[in-house]
Amino acid sequence: MYVVSMPSDLLDYNSILPYFNDHFSYDDESGSCTRIKVSRGSSPVGSVVGGSGSSHIKISHNRNFYLLHRIIFLKLHGHLPQIVDHINRNCRDNSASNLRGGSKTENNYNVSSQEGSSSKYLGVTWDKSRGKWISGIKVNYKRVNLGRFNDEKEAAKAYDKAAIMYRGEWCNLNFPPAP
C-alpha cells in the first residue's frame, strides 16, 4: 500500500512534539538526535536520526514525515516561524546555534552562487556587450543596479556592501569576515 504524506508545511508540528520528547534525545550543541525509545517499525535505541544523505532530516510518525529542524526549533523556542533557516546552509546541521526563524524572503537571501552563472560571486554577472562586470541586488522584488566594474572582485565587494545594508543578518556575503 502506498501512503501519501501531507506536505510538511501543512502538518501540525505541535502534535509531534510529545512523541519527539518521549522517543528522542537532542543535543543542542552538536545538533544530533538519538533514539531513546523504540516504537513499532522504528530504528533501535541508540541509533542516530538522519544517517547519511544531503537533504533535510525527517522523522516519520503516524504515516507523516516531519522535518527535524522544524521540530527542534519548536522544542527550543515554543513557536514555529514561517521558515526555519540553516544559517550555514547545511540542511543536516541542526545545532541550536545554526537554526533561526524567518520569512520565505529572508530565507531566499541565504543562498549560494548559482552553478553555471557567469560569475563565481553572488550578485555579479558578465555584460558581454560592454565587457564589464555588473553588480546588482534584489530589494523588495526589484533589481537595484550597483554599477559596472572592470574587476569581478570589485563588483562582488559592491554586492557585499549592499547585502549588508539591505539584508542585515540574513545576507550571504562573497567575502565573509574572518571569525
Protein backbone atom coordinates (compact mmCIF):
# COMPACT_ATOMS: atom_id res chain seq x y z
CA MET A 1 0.00 0.00 0.00
CA TYR A 2 1.36 3.41 -0.99
CA VAL A 3 0.88 6.14 1.63
CA VAL A 4 1.00 9.79 0.66
CA SER A 5 2.34 12.05 3.40
CA MET A 6 0.97 15.54 3.93
CA PRO A 7 3.27 18.40 2.87
CA SER A 8 5.39 19.39 5.87
CA ASP A 9 4.06 22.97 5.91
CA LEU A 10 0.51 21.66 6.49
CA LEU A 11 1.40 19.33 9.36
CA ASP A 12 0.62 20.21 12.96
CA TYR A 13 4.09 20.22 14.49
CA ASN A 14 2.69 20.78 17.99
CA SER A 15 1.21 17.27 17.82
CA ILE A 16 4.61 15.64 17.11
CA LEU A 17 6.42 17.37 20.00
CA PRO A 18 5.28 15.00 22.81
CA TYR A 19 6.23 11.98 20.65
CA PHE A 20 9.62 13.57 19.85
CA ASN A 21 10.35 14.36 23.52
CA ASP A 22 9.39 10.80 24.55
CA HIS A 23 11.32 8.95 21.81
CA PHE A 24 14.40 11.08 21.07
CA SER A 25 17.27 12.83 22.80
CA TYR A 26 18.52 16.05 21.20
CA ASP A 27 21.96 17.61 21.77
CA ASP A 28 21.58 21.32 21.01
CA GLU A 29 25.33 21.85 20.68
CA SER A 30 26.06 19.16 18.08
CA GLY A 31 22.54 19.06 16.63
CA SER A 32 22.46 15.27 16.79
CA CYS A 33 19.26 13.45 17.63
CA THR A 34 19.35 9.93 19.10
CA ARG A 35 16.51 7.44 19.55
CA ILE A 36 15.86 6.65 23.24
CA LYS A 37 12.64 4.63 22.87
CA VAL A 38 11.51 2.16 20.21
CA SER A 39 8.11 2.25 18.57
CA ARG A 40 6.66 -0.16 16.02
CA GLY A 41 8.85 -0.41 12.94
CA SER A 42 11.41 2.12 14.14
CA SER A 43 15.18 2.05 14.41
CA PRO A 44 16.78 0.60 17.54
CA VAL A 45 17.51 2.58 20.72
CA GLY A 46 20.80 4.48 20.38
CA SER A 47 20.54 4.98 16.63
CA VAL A 48 21.25 8.49 15.37
CA VAL A 49 18.47 10.05 13.32
CA GLY A 50 19.32 11.03 9.77
CA GLY A 51 22.04 8.66 8.65
CA SER A 52 23.83 9.81 5.52
CA GLY A 53 22.46 11.95 2.75
CA SER A 54 22.28 15.52 1.58
CA SER A 55 18.70 16.54 2.22
CA HIS A 56 16.79 17.63 5.32
CA ILE A 57 16.46 15.03 8.07
CA LYS A 58 12.89 13.80 8.62
CA ILE A 59 11.11 11.85 11.32
CA SER A 60 8.21 9.58 10.46
CA HIS A 61 5.19 9.38 12.77
CA ASN A 62 1.62 8.26 12.02
CA ARG A 63 2.40 7.96 8.30
CA ASN A 64 3.61 11.55 8.05
CA PHE A 65 7.14 12.91 7.71
CA TYR A 66 8.18 15.83 9.89
CA LEU A 67 11.26 17.95 9.21
CA LEU A 68 13.61 17.57 12.15
CA HIS A 69 14.86 21.17 12.12
CA ARG A 70 11.27 22.43 12.49
CA ILE A 71 10.62 20.08 15.42
CA ILE A 72 13.84 21.22 17.10
CA PHE A 73 13.06 24.92 16.60
CA LEU A 74 9.60 24.41 18.12
CA LYS A 75 11.11 22.49 21.04
CA LEU A 76 13.68 25.23 21.72
CA HIS A 77 11.53 28.34 21.13
CA GLY A 78 7.93 27.25 21.72
CA HIS A 79 6.69 28.53 18.34
CA LEU A 80 7.22 27.91 14.64
CA PRO A 81 8.03 30.73 12.23
CA GLN A 82 7.11 30.64 8.56
CA ILE A 83 10.59 29.26 7.75
CA VAL A 84 13.33 27.67 9.84
CA ASP A 85 16.64 28.53 8.18
CA HIS A 86 20.01 26.79 8.47
CA ILE A 87 22.42 29.71 8.83
CA ASN A 88 25.42 27.84 7.38
CA ARG A 89 23.25 26.43 4.53
CA ASN A 90 24.00 22.85 5.67
CA CYS A 91 20.50 21.38 6.00
CA ARG A 92 21.80 18.48 8.09
CA ASP A 93 23.36 20.72 10.77
CA ASN A 94 20.55 21.06 13.30
CA SER A 95 22.58 22.57 16.14
CA ALA A 96 20.65 25.23 18.05
CA SER A 97 23.10 27.98 17.03
CA ASN A 98 22.57 27.14 13.33
CA LEU A 99 18.76 27.45 13.28
CA ARG A 100 16.85 30.72 13.01
CA GLY A 101 13.29 31.67 12.22
CA GLY A 102 12.32 33.98 9.40
CA SER A 103 10.21 34.59 6.34
CA LYS A 104 10.47 32.98 2.90
CA THR A 105 12.02 36.19 1.57
CA GLU A 106 14.70 36.20 4.28
CA ASN A 107 15.41 32.53 3.67
CA ASN A 108 15.93 33.25 -0.04
CA TYR A 109 18.66 35.75 0.89
CA ASN A 110 20.72 32.91 2.38
CA VAL A 111 21.67 31.23 -0.90
CA SER A 112 24.90 30.22 -2.60
CA SER A 113 26.06 31.36 -6.03
CA GLN A 114 24.20 29.64 -8.86
CA GLU A 115 26.10 26.91 -10.65
CA GLY A 116 26.66 27.78 -14.29
CA SER A 117 26.38 31.55 -13.80
CA SER A 118 28.88 33.85 -15.50
CA SER A 119 30.49 34.77 -12.16
CA LYS A 120 31.52 32.73 -9.16
CA TYR A 121 30.22 35.56 -6.95
CA LEU A 122 26.73 36.36 -5.73
CA GLY A 123 25.12 39.40 -7.36
CA VAL A 124 27.66 39.59 -10.19
CA THR A 125 27.16 38.90 -13.91
CA TRP A 126 29.21 39.49 -17.04
CA ASP A 127 27.99 42.08 -19.54
CA LYS A 128 29.30 40.80 -22.91
CA SER A 129 28.25 43.89 -24.85
CA ARG A 130 30.27 46.26 -22.65
CA GLY A 131 32.98 43.90 -21.46
CA LYS A 132 32.34 44.69 -17.79
CA TRP A 133 31.08 43.02 -14.65
CA ILE A 134 27.65 44.14 -13.42
CA SER A 135 26.80 44.11 -9.74
CA GLY A 136 23.16 44.10 -8.58
CA ILE A 137 20.86 43.04 -5.77
CA LYS A 138 17.11 42.49 -5.44
CA VAL A 139 15.34 44.73 -2.94
CA ASN A 140 11.58 44.47 -2.41
CA TYR A 141 11.24 42.37 -5.58
CA LYS A 142 13.08 44.98 -7.70
CA ARG A 143 16.62 44.73 -9.01
CA VAL A 144 18.94 47.53 -7.88
CA ASN A 145 21.91 48.10 -10.20
CA LEU A 146 25.09 48.69 -8.17
CA GLY A 147 27.28 49.56 -11.14
CA ARG A 148 29.62 48.17 -13.77
CA PHE A 149 33.15 47.16 -12.89
CA ASN A 150 36.33 46.19 -14.73
CA ASP A 151 37.23 43.80 -11.91
CA GLU A 152 34.95 40.89 -10.89
CA LYS A 153 36.07 41.10 -7.23
CA GLU A 154 35.22 44.81 -7.05
CA ALA A 155 31.72 44.04 -8.32
CA ALA A 156 31.42 41.31 -5.66
CA LYS A 157 32.53 43.76 -2.95
CA ALA A 158 29.85 46.23 -4.09
CA TYR A 159 27.27 43.44 -3.76
CA ASP A 160 28.52 42.58 -0.25
CA LYS A 161 28.20 46.20 0.88
CA ALA A 162 24.62 46.38 -0.44
CA ALA A 163 23.74 42.96 1.02
CA ILE A 164 24.79 44.11 4.50
CA MET A 165 22.80 47.32 4.11
CA TYR A 166 19.59 45.74 2.75
CA ARG A 167 19.61 42.25 4.31
CA GLY A 168 21.42 42.62 7.61
CA GLU A 169 21.98 39.32 9.44
CA TRP A 170 20.36 37.40 6.56
CA CYS A 171 22.94 38.44 3.98
CA ASN A 172 25.18 35.90 2.37
CA LEU A 173 28.49 37.52 1.55
CA ASN A 174 31.05 36.78 -1.12
CA PHE A 175 33.81 37.76 1.32
CA PRO A 176 32.61 36.95 4.85
CA PRO A 177 34.65 38.43 7.70
CA ALA A 178 37.02 36.02 9.42
CA PRO A 179 35.59 34.62 12.69
